[in-house]
Protein backbone atom coordinates (compact mmCIF):
# COMPACT_ATOMS: atom_id res chain seq x y z
CA MET A 1 0.12 0.20 -0.06
CA PRO A 2 1.21 3.54 -0.97
CA PRO A 3 2.41 5.38 2.56
CA PRO A 4 -0.12 7.88 3.44
CA ILE A 5 0.39 11.29 2.39
CA THR A 6 -0.56 15.16 3.37
CA VAL A 7 -3.80 16.13 2.44
CA GLU A 8 -3.38 19.66 0.27
CA LEU A 9 -6.76 20.69 -0.64
CA HIS A 10 -6.26 23.32 -4.05
CA PRO A 11 -9.28 25.19 -5.60
CA HIS A 12 -10.31 23.59 -8.69
CA ASP A 13 -7.78 24.24 -11.33
CA PRO A 14 -9.53 23.90 -15.07
CA HIS A 15 -5.66 22.71 -16.37
CA TRP A 16 -6.37 19.53 -14.72
CA SER A 17 -8.46 18.49 -17.44
CA ASP A 18 -6.39 18.78 -20.48
CA LEU A 19 -3.69 17.36 -17.48
CA ALA A 20 -5.81 14.04 -17.75
CA GLY A 21 -6.39 13.99 -21.70
CA ARG A 22 -2.19 14.25 -22.18
CA GLU A 23 -1.76 11.28 -19.23
CA ALA A 24 -4.52 9.37 -21.26
CA GLN A 25 -2.64 10.10 -24.53
CA ARG A 26 0.17 8.89 -23.19
CA LEU A 27 -1.23 5.91 -21.68
CA ALA A 28 -2.53 5.03 -24.70
CA GLU A 29 0.61 4.97 -26.76
CA ALA A 30 2.24 3.00 -23.91
CA ILE A 31 -0.22 0.46 -23.46
CA GLY A 32 -2.03 -0.20 -26.92
CA PRO A 33 -4.50 -1.54 -27.88
CA CYS A 34 -6.08 -3.02 -24.38
CA LEU A 35 -6.61 0.21 -23.23
CA LEU A 36 -10.20 1.13 -24.43
CA ILE A 37 -10.61 4.51 -22.67
CA VAL A 38 -9.67 6.43 -19.90
CA HIS A 39 -12.25 8.56 -17.79
CA HIS A 40 -10.97 11.48 -15.78
CA VAL A 41 -13.14 10.76 -12.73
CA GLY A 42 -12.31 11.68 -8.49
CA SER A 43 -12.39 15.43 -7.28
CA THR A 44 -10.17 16.76 -9.95
CA ALA A 45 -12.62 15.74 -12.64
CA ILE A 46 -15.45 18.22 -10.85
CA PRO A 47 -15.76 21.84 -11.23
CA ALA A 48 -16.59 24.23 -8.41
CA ILE A 49 -14.84 21.94 -5.00
CA HIS A 50 -11.33 21.57 -3.76
CA ALA A 51 -9.57 18.84 -4.41
CA LYS A 52 -5.84 17.00 -3.94
CA PRO A 53 -3.32 17.93 -7.43
CA ILE A 54 -3.70 14.28 -8.07
CA LEU A 55 -5.33 13.47 -11.10
CA ASP A 56 -7.96 9.93 -10.14
CA LEU A 57 -8.48 8.81 -14.12
CA LEU A 58 -10.05 5.16 -14.17
CA PRO A 59 -8.70 3.45 -17.49
CA VAL A 60 -11.12 0.51 -19.07
CA VAL A 61 -9.27 -1.95 -20.39
CA GLY A 62 -10.52 -5.35 -22.30
CA SER A 63 -9.18 -6.82 -19.94
CA LEU A 64 -6.77 -7.55 -16.64
CA ALA A 65 -4.32 -9.91 -17.99
CA ALA A 66 -4.03 -7.88 -21.08
CA LEU A 67 -2.67 -5.47 -19.09
CA ASP A 68 -1.22 -7.11 -16.57
CA ALA A 69 0.96 -7.97 -19.50
CA ARG A 70 1.98 -4.23 -20.39
CA GLN A 71 2.82 -3.37 -16.49
CA GLY A 72 6.63 -2.44 -17.50
CA GLU A 73 5.31 -0.33 -20.10
CA LEU A 74 3.71 1.87 -17.25
CA GLU A 75 6.08 1.59 -14.67
CA THR A 76 8.73 2.68 -17.55
CA LEU A 77 5.98 5.83 -17.47
CA GLY A 78 7.04 6.28 -13.88
CA TYR A 79 4.33 3.92 -12.52
CA GLU A 80 4.16 2.13 -9.56
CA TRP A 81 2.04 -1.04 -9.54
CA TRP A 82 0.09 -2.06 -6.39
CA GLY A 83 -1.65 -4.38 -8.02
CA GLU A 84 -5.69 -4.65 -6.70
CA LEU A 85 -5.02 -3.01 -3.21
CA GLY A 86 -8.24 -4.69 -1.73
CA LEU A 87 -10.32 -4.12 -4.75
CA ALA A 88 -11.01 -7.54 -6.30
CA GLY A 89 -10.76 -6.77 -9.67
CA ARG A 90 -9.06 -3.73 -10.07
CA ARG A 91 -5.62 -2.70 -10.70
CA TYR A 92 -4.12 0.43 -8.61
CA LEU A 93 -1.23 2.45 -9.58
CA THR A 94 0.60 5.66 -8.42
CA LYS A 95 2.77 8.23 -10.50
CA ALA A 96 4.50 10.81 -8.37
CA ASP A 97 7.14 13.49 -9.62
CA THR A 98 10.80 12.02 -9.48
CA GLU A 99 12.01 15.22 -8.24
CA THR A 100 9.97 16.10 -5.29
CA GLY A 101 8.18 12.80 -4.68
CA ARG A 102 4.73 14.61 -4.39
CA ARG A 103 1.94 12.25 -6.53
CA LEU A 104 0.71 13.25 -9.36
CA VAL A 105 -1.92 10.17 -10.82
CA GLN A 106 -3.53 7.52 -9.43
CA LEU A 107 -4.98 4.79 -11.95
CA HIS A 108 -7.58 2.63 -10.95
CA CYS A 109 -7.96 0.00 -14.00
CA TYR A 110 -10.84 -1.70 -14.62
CA PRO A 111 -11.99 -4.80 -17.19
CA GLU A 112 -14.75 -3.09 -19.80
CA GLY A 113 -18.06 -4.23 -18.21
CA SER A 114 -17.37 -3.68 -14.30
CA PRO A 115 -19.72 -2.22 -12.02
CA GLU A 116 -16.80 -0.67 -10.86
CA ILE A 117 -16.40 1.96 -13.89
CA THR A 118 -20.32 2.49 -13.71
CA ARG A 119 -20.03 3.61 -9.79
CA HIS A 120 -17.35 5.78 -10.49
CA LEU A 121 -19.08 7.76 -13.48
CA ALA A 122 -22.15 8.17 -11.71
CA PHE A 123 -20.35 9.08 -8.72
CA ARG A 124 -18.67 12.47 -11.13
CA ASP A 125 -21.27 12.92 -13.57
CA TYR A 126 -23.96 13.14 -10.56
CA LEU A 127 -21.11 16.08 -8.39
CA ARG A 128 -21.00 17.47 -11.62
CA ALA A 129 -25.11 17.98 -12.02
CA ARG A 130 -25.93 18.99 -8.30
CA PRO A 131 -23.99 21.43 -7.14
CA ASP A 132 -25.77 21.47 -4.12
CA ILE A 133 -24.69 17.90 -3.41
CA ALA A 134 -21.01 19.11 -4.71
CA ALA A 135 -20.92 21.77 -2.17
CA ALA A 136 -21.96 19.39 0.55
CA TYR A 137 -18.92 16.85 -0.49
CA ASP A 138 -16.44 20.01 -0.76
CA ARG A 139 -17.91 20.72 3.19
CA VAL A 140 -17.04 17.10 4.65
CA LYS A 141 -13.86 17.17 2.72
CA ALA A 142 -12.77 20.82 4.26
CA ASP A 143 -13.76 19.01 8.04
CA CYS A 144 -11.87 15.60 7.22
CA ARG A 145 -8.81 17.54 6.40
CA SER A 146 -8.76 19.92 9.38
CA ARG A 147 -9.37 16.05 11.51
CA HIS A 148 -6.72 13.81 9.29
CA PRO A 149 -3.66 16.68 7.87
CA ASP A 150 -1.24 14.03 7.60
CA ASP A 151 -2.89 11.44 6.78
CA SER A 152 -4.49 11.28 3.63
CA HIS A 153 -5.92 7.67 4.67
CA ALA A 154 -7.57 8.75 7.57
CA TYR A 155 -8.65 11.30 4.94
CA GLY A 156 -10.36 8.88 2.91
CA ASP A 157 -11.84 6.94 5.86
CA CYS A 158 -12.76 9.83 7.33
CA LYS A 159 -15.15 10.68 3.63
CA ASP A 160 -16.15 7.23 3.62
CA ALA A 161 -19.85 7.01 4.66
CA TRP A 162 -20.71 10.26 3.14
CA ILE A 163 -19.53 8.62 0.14
CA ARG A 164 -21.05 5.73 0.62
CA GLN A 165 -24.86 7.53 0.59
CA ALA A 166 -24.02 10.19 -1.93
CA GLU A 167 -22.91 6.97 -4.52
CA ALA A 168 -26.14 5.31 -3.87
CA ASP A 169 -27.99 8.26 -4.38
CA ALA A 170 -25.78 8.96 -7.30
CA LEU A 171 -26.41 5.67 -8.95
CA ALA A 172 -30.34 5.70 -8.47
CA TRP A 173 -29.86 9.19 -10.17
CA TYR A 174 -27.27 8.04 -13.41
CA GLN A 175 -29.84 4.85 -14.08
CA SER A 176 -33.01 7.25 -13.92
CA HIS A 177 -31.33 9.36 -16.72
């Protein structure tokens, strides 16, 4: 498991979308046709809320076996491979700045058809469509950051109950659209 990091929340930066697109292109060039699409998810994909300046990307692959065969190419791009890291059917990777060690990107890779893809997209799209819910999430994030400024794992645990409820609401909303 990657070690916890300091929790820094930054105002939304419209350049995050461009950075996500460029990183998706690098991934496509490195791992080829097993990559079907890369979605920008997480707080950096939601305008008007604060976020850790770390891109969360969700690469969708044809199969995990094909992705596993490209582990070396991803490591060449600077990614550290963490395997499933507690979520069956996922591959989790992180990329850090080589000079500072600051985390830049987190990949949450799933095979095509995984319900986890829908869960992530529903949450992102729900918060984009519902500024009131996004603002509530922003408040939860600020509170959890004030409680756990130096431990991203505890910060994540702090947000977990709110996120689980919002995800359930988001899935119901997403399926009705």
